Protein backbone atom coordinates (compact mmCIF):
# COMPACT_ATOMS: atom_id res chain seq x y z
CA MET A 1 0.02 -0.29 -0.15
CA LYS A 2 1.15 3.50 -0.67
CA GLU A 3 0.11 7.05 0.99
CA TYR A 4 -1.12 9.80 0.30
CA GLN A 5 -1.70 12.86 1.74
CA VAL A 6 -5.61 14.63 0.95
CA GLN A 7 -5.68 17.96 1.78
CA ILE A 8 -9.78 19.20 2.28
CA LYS A 9 -10.41 22.27 1.55
CA GLU A 10 -13.64 24.19 2.66
CA ILE A 11 -14.92 27.44 1.55
CA LEU A 12 -16.81 29.75 3.60
CA ALA A 13 -18.10 33.16 1.57
CA MET A 14 -19.65 36.12 3.18
CA THR A 15 -20.62 39.47 1.40
CA VAL A 16 -21.10 42.80 2.94
CA THR A 17 -21.77 46.18 2.19
CA VAL A 18 -19.35 49.33 2.98
CA GLU A 19 -19.74 52.64 2.30
CA ALA A 20 -16.38 53.85 1.19
CA GLU A 21 -14.63 56.77 -0.97
CA ASN A 22 -13.15 53.66 -3.43
CA ALA A 23 -13.04 49.94 -3.84
CA ALA A 24 -9.42 49.90 -1.66
CA GLN A 25 -10.99 51.63 0.60
CA ALA A 26 -13.49 49.14 0.89
CA ARG A 27 -11.27 46.31 0.72
CA ASP A 28 -9.48 48.13 3.95
CA ILE A 29 -12.21 48.71 6.10
CA VAL A 30 -14.10 44.95 5.61
CA GLU A 31 -10.27 43.72 6.14
CA LYS A 32 -10.22 45.46 9.71
CA ARG A 33 -13.82 44.64 10.67
CA TYR A 34 -13.22 41.23 9.68
CA ASN A 35 -9.80 41.59 11.48
CA ASP A 36 -11.76 42.89 14.54
CA SER A 37 -13.97 40.03 14.43
CA ASP A 38 -16.79 41.93 13.49
CA TYR A 39 -17.10 39.01 10.54
CA ILE A 40 -17.49 35.99 11.75
CA LEU A 41 -17.88 33.34 9.12
CA ASP A 42 -19.35 29.83 10.21
CA ALA A 43 -21.17 26.66 8.65
CA ASP A 44 -23.75 28.80 7.89
CA HIS A 45 -21.63 30.32 5.20
CA PHE A 46 -20.73 27.29 3.50
CA LYS A 47 -20.13 27.38 -0.22
CA GLY A 48 -18.19 24.04 -1.12
CA VAL A 49 -15.49 22.09 -0.43
CA THR A 50 -12.25 20.76 -2.76
CA PHE A 51 -10.12 17.45 -1.78
CA THR A 52 -6.54 17.63 -4.20
CA VAL A 53 -4.39 14.34 -3.52
CA THR A 54 -0.74 14.54 -3.60
CA PRO A 55 0.71 11.45 -5.18
CA PRO A 56 3.66 9.11 -2.69
CA GLN A 57 6.75 10.29 -3.42
CA LYS A 58 9.31 7.77 -4.90
CA GLU A 59 11.87 6.93 -2.53
CA ARG A 60 15.00 8.30 -3.48
CA GLY A 61 18.13 5.99 -3.30
CA MET A 62 15.40 3.13 -5.12
CA GLU A 63 15.79 5.11 -8.86
CA ARG A 64 17.56 4.16 -11.97
């Protein structure tokens, strides 16, 4: 049997509306609020999942 590493990546998403002078300022406002825990993403914000398999590595010294 070989060992495989499988990455599980869950995607959570939330859209918020803010007033700002421009897109960069809007992003900064939302990022600060997110970092201040004003926005908490949980299972209700689940949008999907992906699975990525990493093939097993060949053992060194066994190659010819």
